[in-house]
Amino acid sequence: MKLLIADDDPVALTALNGLAKKWGYEPVAVADGNAAWEVLQREDSPFLALLDWHMPGRNGNELCRLARSHLGHKPLHIILITATGLALEEKVNGLGAGADDYLFKTHAPTELRARLQVGERIINLQLELRRRVKELEDALAQVKQIQGLLPICMDCKRIRDDHNYWHKVEQYIAARTDASFTHGLCPTCFKKRVEEINSGKKREAAVEKG
């Protein structure tokens, strides 16, 4: 998974970039907030972002607000990192701006990795949810295709489509849904078919006797 790392401290940026590669991520490293915003706007932008709270250009809070305002169609998990302790108000402001988590720069690598893994799980859940919603929307769209008034022949029961072609009921429905059909006889038709067969046998017997 791609990981955006934005930090104006070259030592910290190099260290984070190395750890990300070691853990199997594809890091995209930048040194200021403006470059980070450019990366986030790309079509193939990372879903995970590790952003320095205080850096040149757009700071972490501003990037969070921009991302939540303009990139709501993309799953994105943002972790803010800071070199100084944060007051409660600062933490609230950061989370209110759209950050999902925050971390001190003095963190242990194991803690960072654990927090990234949490973000990765959340993103995967969001992607799965989006996939299922898309499947549901497609299914509903198919159902809507057979809603409303359908012109049907009162004799042969064929259905007329929008191009004035007539189709068997099963052909019409199968072309517009994922439904498939098996054929059989309902009790009424079965009884009628048996009566027809018996009547035919009686006629044959009468002809043979005559």
C-alpha atoms as a PDB file:
ATOM      1  CA  MET A   1       0.000   0.000   0.000  1.00  0.00           C
ATOM      2  CA  LYS A   2       1.224   3.506  -0.821  1.00  0.00           C
ATOM      3  CA  LEU A   3       2.123   5.762   2.095  1.00  0.00           C
ATOM      4  CA  LEU A   4       2.518   9.532   1.869  1.00  0.00           C
ATOM      5  CA  ILE A   5       5.207  10.874   4.239  1.00  0.00           C
ATOM      6  CA  ALA A   6       5.473  14.661   4.611  1.00  0.00           C
ATOM      7  CA  ASP A   7       8.141  16.131   6.918  1.00  0.00           C
ATOM      8  CA  ASP A   8      10.463  19.127   6.539  1.00  0.00           C
ATOM      9  CA  ASP A   9      13.130  17.471   8.733  1.00  0.00           C
ATOM     10  CA  PRO A  10      15.382  15.602   6.249  1.00  0.00           C
ATOM     11  CA  VAL A  11      16.673  13.218   8.934  1.00  0.00           C
ATOM     12  CA  ALA A  12      13.186  12.275  10.089  1.00  0.00           C
ATOM     13  CA  LEU A  13      11.965  12.001   6.473  1.00  0.00           C
ATOM     14  CA  THR A  14      14.803   9.647   5.540  1.00  0.00           C
ATOM     15  CA  ALA A  15      14.223   7.498   8.625  1.00  0.00           C
ATOM     16  CA  LEU A  16      10.472   7.223   8.056  1.00  0.00           C
ATOM     17  CA  ASN A  17      10.996   6.472   4.376  1.00  0.00           C
ATOM     18  CA  GLY A  18      13.396   3.642   5.247  1.00  0.00           C
ATOM     19  CA  LEU A  19      11.035   2.125   7.814  1.00  0.00           C
ATOM     20  CA  ALA A  20       8.106   2.284   5.394  1.00  0.00           C
ATOM     21  CA  LYS A  21      10.046   0.363   2.747  1.00  0.00           C
ATOM     22  CA  LYS A  22      11.190  -2.178   5.315  1.00  0.00           C
ATOM     23  CA  TRP A  23       7.564  -2.825   6.321  1.00  0.00           C
ATOM     24  CA  GLY A  24       6.412  -3.358   2.757  1.00  0.00           C
ATOM     25  CA  TYR A  25       4.826   0.030   2.021  1.00  0.00           C
ATOM     26  CA  GLU A  26       5.403   2.153  -1.095  1.00  0.00           C
ATOM     27  CA  PRO A  27       6.475   5.492   0.430  1.00  0.00           C
ATOM     28  CA  VAL A  28       5.966   8.800  -1.354  1.00  0.00           C
ATOM     29  CA  ALA A  29       8.200  11.236   0.558  1.00  0.00           C
ATOM     30  CA  VAL A  30       7.867  15.047   0.346  1.00  0.00           C
ATOM     31  CA  ALA A  31       9.387  17.873   2.389  1.00  0.00           C
ATOM     32  CA  ASP A  32       6.524  20.386   2.722  1.00  0.00           C
ATOM     33  CA  GLY A  33       2.772  20.723   2.902  1.00  0.00           C
ATOM     34  CA  ASN A  34       2.294  22.110  -0.602  1.00  0.00           C
ATOM     35  CA  ALA A  35       3.983  19.086  -2.158  1.00  0.00           C
ATOM     36  CA  ALA A  36       1.923  16.799   0.087  1.00  0.00           C
ATOM     37  CA  TRP A  37      -1.316  18.413  -1.146  1.00  0.00           C
ATOM     38  CA  GLU A  38      -0.245  17.885  -4.759  1.00  0.00           C
ATOM     39  CA  VAL A  39       0.319  14.189  -4.056  1.00  0.00           C
ATOM     40  CA  LEU A  40      -3.033  13.804  -2.305  1.00  0.00           C
ATOM     41  CA  GLN A  41      -4.866  15.231  -5.336  1.00  0.00           C
ATOM     42  CA  ARG A  42      -3.436  12.659  -7.741  1.00  0.00           C
ATOM     43  CA  GLU A  43      -5.702  10.011  -9.172  1.00  0.00           C
ATOM     44  CA  ASP A  44      -3.471   7.288  -7.699  1.00  0.00           C
ATOM     45  CA  SER A  45      -2.826   9.081  -4.394  1.00  0.00           C
ATOM     46  CA  PRO A  46      -1.870   7.045  -1.287  1.00  0.00           C
ATOM     47  CA  PHE A  47      -4.613   5.951   1.083  1.00  0.00           C
ATOM     48  CA  LEU A  48      -2.305   6.312   4.094  1.00  0.00           C
ATOM     49  CA  ALA A  49      -0.732   9.657   5.038  1.00  0.00           C
ATOM     50  CA  LEU A  50       1.847  10.441   7.718  1.00  0.00           C
ATOM     51  CA  LEU A  51       1.973  14.241   7.985  1.00  0.00           C
ATOM     52  CA  ASP A  52       4.167  16.525  10.066  1.00  0.00           C
ATOM     53  CA  TRP A  53       1.988  18.816  12.173  1.00  0.00           C
ATOM     54  CA  HIS A  54       4.267  21.863  11.642  1.00  0.00           C
ATOM     55  CA  MET A  55       5.982  22.235   8.254  1.00  0.00           C
ATOM     56  CA  PRO A  56       6.403  24.864   5.508  1.00  0.00           C
ATOM     57  CA  GLY A  57       3.528  25.485   3.128  1.00  0.00           C
ATOM     58  CA  ARG A  58       0.335  23.885   4.337  1.00  0.00           C
ATOM     59  CA  ASN A  59       0.616  22.478   7.848  1.00  0.00           C
ATOM     60  CA  GLY A  60      -0.905  19.205   9.003  1.00  0.00           C
ATOM     61  CA  ASN A  61      -4.176  20.737  10.191  1.00  0.00           C
ATOM     62  CA  GLU A  62      -4.691  22.579   6.920  1.00  0.00           C
ATOM     63  CA  LEU A  63      -3.965  19.471   4.878  1.00  0.00           C
ATOM     64  CA  CYS A  64      -6.541  17.546   6.910  1.00  0.00           C
ATOM     65  CA  ARG A  65      -9.211  20.183   6.262  1.00  0.00           C
ATOM     66  CA  LEU A  66      -8.446  20.305   2.546  1.00  0.00           C
ATOM     67  CA  ALA A  67      -8.481  16.531   2.237  1.00  0.00           C
ATOM     68  CA  ARG A  68     -11.810  16.136   4.037  1.00  0.00           C
ATOM     69  CA  SER A  69     -13.360  18.994   2.058  1.00  0.00           C
ATOM     70  CA  HIS A  70     -12.156  18.039  -1.432  1.00  0.00           C
ATOM     71  CA  LEU A  71     -11.224  14.356  -1.311  1.00  0.00           C
ATOM     72  CA  GLY A  72     -14.232  12.844   0.430  1.00  0.00           C
ATOM     73  CA  HIS A  73     -14.664  10.411  -2.469  1.00  0.00           C
ATOM     74  CA  LYS A  74     -11.344   8.742  -1.586  1.00  0.00           C
ATOM     75  CA  PRO A  75     -10.605   6.564   1.457  1.00  0.00           C
ATOM     76  CA  LEU A  76      -7.816   8.297   3.387  1.00  0.00           C
ATOM     77  CA  HIS A  77      -6.328   7.650   6.829  1.00  0.00           C
ATOM     78  CA  ILE A  78      -4.250  10.550   8.176  1.00  0.00           C
ATOM     79  CA  ILE A  79      -1.775  10.348  11.053  1.00  0.00           C
ATOM     80  CA  LEU A  80      -0.325  13.642  12.268  1.00  0.00           C
ATOM     81  CA  ILE A  81       3.162  13.565  13.793  1.00  0.00           C
ATOM     82  CA  THR A  82       4.593  16.270  16.047  1.00  0.00           C
ATOM     83  CA  ALA A  83       7.910  16.955  17.762  1.00  0.00           C
ATOM     84  CA  THR A  84       6.324  18.743  20.718  1.00  0.00           C
ATOM     85  CA  GLY A  85       3.726  17.842  23.299  1.00  0.00           C
ATOM     86  CA  LEU A  86       0.180  18.821  22.458  1.00  0.00           C
ATOM     87  CA  ALA A  87      -2.353  20.510  24.667  1.00  0.00           C
ATOM     88  CA  LEU A  88      -5.821  19.009  24.788  1.00  0.00           C
ATOM     89  CA  GLU A  89      -7.186  21.848  22.650  1.00  0.00           C
ATOM     90  CA  GLU A  90      -4.568  21.187  19.957  1.00  0.00           C
ATOM     91  CA  LYS A  91      -5.435  17.505  19.886  1.00  0.00           C
ATOM     92  CA  VAL A  92      -9.137  18.317  19.574  1.00  0.00           C
ATOM     93  CA  ASN A  93      -8.441  20.811  16.786  1.00  0.00           C
ATOM     94  CA  GLY A  94      -6.346  18.284  14.900  1.00  0.00           C
ATOM     95  CA  LEU A  95      -8.966  15.554  15.140  1.00  0.00           C
ATOM     96  CA  GLY A  96     -11.681  18.080  14.292  1.00  0.00           C
ATOM     97  CA  ALA A  97      -9.763  19.103  11.178  1.00  0.00           C
ATOM     98  CA  GLY A  98      -9.948  15.515   9.944  1.00  0.00           C
ATOM     99  CA  ALA A  99      -6.933  13.693  11.395  1.00  0.00           C
ATOM    100  CA  ASP A 100      -7.546  10.059  12.299  1.00  0.00           C
ATOM    101  CA  ASP A 101      -4.611   9.718  14.703  1.00  0.00           C
ATOM    102  CA  TYR A 102      -1.538  11.546  15.992  1.00  0.00           C
ATOM    103  CA  LEU A 103       1.905  10.477  17.114  1.00  0.00           C
ATOM    104  CA  PHE A 104       4.965  12.069  18.747  1.00  0.00           C
ATOM    105  CA  LYS A 105       8.216  12.012  16.771  1.00  0.00           C
ATOM    106  CA  THR A 106       9.870  10.269  19.717  1.00  0.00           C
ATOM    107  CA  HIS A 107       7.657   7.223  19.070  1.00  0.00           C
ATOM    108  CA  ALA A 108       9.060   3.736  18.961  1.00  0.00           C
ATOM    109  CA  PRO A 109       9.092   2.198  15.462  1.00  0.00           C
ATOM    110  CA  THR A 110       6.871  -0.626  16.702  1.00  0.00           C
ATOM    111  CA  GLU A 111       4.195   1.896  17.738  1.00  0.00           C
ATOM    112  CA  LEU A 112       4.299   3.614  14.366  1.00  0.00           C
ATOM    113  CA  ARG A 113       3.989   0.307  12.565  1.00  0.00           C
ATOM    114  CA  ALA A 114       1.032  -0.697  14.748  1.00  0.00           C
ATOM    115  CA  ARG A 115      -0.757   2.587  14.033  1.00  0.00           C
ATOM    116  CA  LEU A 116      -0.139   2.227  10.303  1.00  0.00           C
ATOM    117  CA  GLN A 117      -1.554  -1.287  10.423  1.00  0.00           C
ATOM    118  CA  VAL A 118      -4.690   0.035  12.147  1.00  0.00           C
ATOM    119  CA  GLY A 119      -5.056   2.604   9.368  1.00  0.00           C
ATOM    120  CA  GLU A 120      -4.546  -0.080   6.746  1.00  0.00           C
ATOM    121  CA  ARG A 121      -7.316  -2.233   8.250  1.00  0.00           C
ATOM    122  CA  ILE A 122      -9.689   0.741   8.306  1.00  0.00           C
ATOM    123  CA  ILE A 123      -8.920   1.571   4.683  1.00  0.00           C
ATOM    124  CA  ASN A 124      -9.472  -2.026   3.586  1.00  0.00           C
ATOM    125  CA  LEU A 125     -12.844  -2.010   5.343  1.00  0.00           C
ATOM    126  CA  GLN A 126     -13.770   1.233   3.577  1.00  0.00           C
ATOM    127  CA  LEU A 127     -12.747  -0.188   0.203  1.00  0.00           C
ATOM    128  CA  GLU A 128     -14.759  -3.344   0.819  1.00  0.00           C
ATOM    129  CA  LEU A 129     -17.780  -1.278   1.854  1.00  0.00           C
ATOM    130  CA  ARG A 130     -17.492   0.839  -1.289  1.00  0.00           C
ATOM    131  CA  ARG A 131     -17.278  -2.322  -3.415  1.00  0.00           C
ATOM    132  CA  ARG A 132     -20.411  -3.750  -1.836  1.00  0.00           C
ATOM    133  CA  VAL A 133     -22.305  -0.473  -2.198  1.00  0.00           C
ATOM    134  CA  LYS A 134     -21.352  -0.420  -5.902  1.00  0.00           C
ATOM    135  CA  GLU A 135     -22.620  -3.978  -6.321  1.00  0.00           C
ATOM    136  CA  LEU A 136     -25.887  -3.016  -4.613  1.00  0.00           C
ATOM    137  CA  GLU A 137     -26.279   0.062  -6.811  1.00  0.00           C
ATOM    138  CA  ASP A 138     -25.692  -2.054  -9.929  1.00  0.00           C
ATOM    139  CA  ALA A 139     -28.254  -4.593  -8.748  1.00  0.00           C
ATOM    140  CA  LEU A 140     -30.818  -1.863  -8.057  1.00  0.00           C
ATOM    141  CA  ALA A 141     -30.165  -0.361 -11.484  1.00  0.00           C
ATOM    142  CA  GLN A 142     -30.915  -3.735 -13.067  1.00  0.00           C
ATOM    143  CA  VAL A 143     -34.105  -4.088 -11.056  1.00  0.00           C
ATOM    144  CA  LYS A 144     -35.248  -0.629 -12.146  1.00  0.00           C
ATOM    145  CA  GLN A 145     -34.975  -1.711 -15.768  1.00  0.00           C
ATOM    146  CA  ILE A 146     -37.975  -4.003 -15.340  1.00  0.00           C
ATOM    147  CA  GLN A 147     -40.084  -1.619 -13.276  1.00  0.00           C
ATOM    148  CA  GLY A 148     -43.072   0.276 -14.621  1.00  0.00           C
ATOM    149  CA  LEU A 149     -45.626  -0.718 -17.258  1.00  0.00           C
ATOM    150  CA  LEU A 150     -44.584  -3.582 -19.537  1.00  0.00           C
ATOM    151  CA  PRO A 151     -46.499  -4.083 -22.803  1.00  0.00           C
ATOM    152  CA  ILE A 152     -47.376  -7.793 -22.853  1.00  0.00           C
ATOM    153  CA  CYS A 153     -49.343  -9.761 -25.407  1.00  0.00           C
ATOM    154  CA  MET A 154     -52.564 -11.021 -23.838  1.00  0.00           C
ATOM    155  CA  ASP A 155     -52.414 -14.129 -26.006  1.00  0.00           C
ATOM    156  CA  CYS A 156     -48.800 -15.388 -26.252  1.00  0.00           C
ATOM    157  CA  LYS A 157     -47.552 -13.381 -23.225  1.00  0.00           C
ATOM    158  CA  ARG A 158     -44.529 -11.956 -25.052  1.00  0.00           C
ATOM    159  CA  ILE A 159     -43.159  -8.595 -23.805  1.00  0.00           C
ATOM    160  CA  ARG A 160     -42.456  -5.647 -26.096  1.00  0.00           C
ATOM    161  CA  ASP A 161     -39.176  -3.780 -25.502  1.00  0.00           C
ATOM    162  CA  ASP A 162     -38.375  -0.116 -26.176  1.00  0.00           C
ATOM    163  CA  HIS A 163     -37.405  -0.936 -29.779  1.00  0.00           C
ATOM    164  CA  ASN A 164     -40.757  -2.540 -30.538  1.00  0.00           C
ATOM    165  CA  TYR A 165     -39.360  -6.099 -30.504  1.00  0.00           C
ATOM    166  CA  TRP A 166     -41.286  -8.859 -28.773  1.00  0.00           C
ATOM    167  CA  HIS A 167     -39.541 -11.309 -26.439  1.00  0.00           C
ATOM    168  CA  LYS A 168     -40.483 -14.293 -24.348  1.00  0.00           C
ATOM    169  CA  VAL A 169     -40.846 -13.353 -20.684  1.00  0.00           C
ATOM    170  CA  GLU A 170     -37.767 -15.335 -19.635  1.00  0.00           C
ATOM    171  CA  GLN A 171     -35.644 -13.792 -22.406  1.00  0.00           C
ATOM    172  CA  TYR A 172     -36.700 -10.271 -21.446  1.00  0.00           C
ATOM    173  CA  ILE A 173     -35.951 -10.738 -17.745  1.00  0.00           C
ATOM    174  CA  ALA A 174     -32.708 -12.677 -18.271  1.00  0.00           C
ATOM    175  CA  ALA A 175     -31.338  -9.868 -20.466  1.00  0.00           C
ATOM    176  CA  ARG A 176     -31.941  -7.291 -17.738  1.00  0.00           C
ATOM    177  CA  THR A 177     -31.122  -9.184 -14.538  1.00  0.00           C
ATOM    178  CA  ASP A 178     -28.877 -11.979 -13.295  1.00  0.00           C
ATOM    179  CA  ALA A 179     -31.860 -14.334 -13.148  1.00  0.00           C
ATOM    180  CA  SER A 180     -31.837 -17.673 -14.958  1.00  0.00           C
ATOM    181  CA  PHE A 181     -34.798 -19.956 -15.548  1.00  0.00           C
ATOM    182  CA  THR A 182     -35.734 -23.615 -15.280  1.00  0.00           C
ATOM    183  CA  HIS A 183     -38.928 -24.898 -16.812  1.00  0.00           C
ATOM    184  CA  GLY A 184     -41.653 -27.068 -15.372  1.00  0.00           C
ATOM    185  CA  LEU A 185     -45.434 -27.326 -15.136  1.00  0.00           C
ATOM    186  CA  CYS A 186     -47.618 -25.750 -12.480  1.00  0.00           C
ATOM    187  CA  PRO A 187     -50.377 -27.999 -11.015  1.00  0.00           C
ATOM    188  CA  THR A 188     -53.079 -26.453 -13.214  1.00  0.00           C
ATOM    189  CA  CYS A 189     -51.112 -26.870 -16.442  1.00  0.00           C
ATOM    190  CA  PHE A 190     -50.000 -30.350 -15.415  1.00  0.00           C
ATOM    191  CA  LYS A 191     -53.639 -31.404 -14.913  1.00  0.00           C
ATOM    192  CA  LYS A 192     -54.580 -29.890 -18.255  1.00  0.00           C
ATOM    193  CA  ARG A 193     -51.698 -31.668 -19.991  1.00  0.00           C
ATOM    194  CA  VAL A 194     -52.712 -35.034 -18.478  1.00  0.00           C
ATOM    195  CA  GLU A 195     -56.315 -34.501 -19.582  1.00  0.00           C
ATOM    196  CA  GLU A 196     -55.140 -33.714 -23.112  1.00  0.00           C
ATOM    197  CA  ILE A 197     -53.037 -36.875 -23.198  1.00  0.00           C
ATOM    198  CA  ASN A 198     -55.902 -38.995 -21.886  1.00  0.00           C
ATOM    199  CA  SER A 199     -58.303 -37.451 -24.402  1.00  0.00           C
ATOM    200  CA  GLY A 200     -55.867 -38.210 -27.192  1.00  0.00           C
ATOM    201  CA  LYS A 201     -55.580 -41.831 -26.090  1.00  0.00           C
ATOM    202  CA  LYS A 202     -59.371 -42.175 -26.000  1.00  0.00           C
ATOM    203  CA  ARG A 203     -59.666 -40.806 -29.534  1.00  0.00           C
ATOM    204  CA  GLU A 204     -57.002 -43.225 -30.760  1.00  0.00           C
ATOM    205  CA  ALA A 205     -58.809 -46.135 -29.103  1.00  0.00           C
ATOM    206  CA  ALA A 206     -62.126 -45.081 -30.662  1.00  0.00           C
ATOM    207  CA  VAL A 207     -60.522 -44.871 -34.103  1.00  0.00           C
ATOM    208  CA  GLU A 208     -59.038 -48.366 -33.700  1.00  0.00           C
ATOM    209  CA  LYS A 209     -62.428 -49.825 -32.681  1.00  0.00           C
ATOM    210  CA  GLY A 210     -64.251 -48.071 -35.517  1.00  0.00           C
END
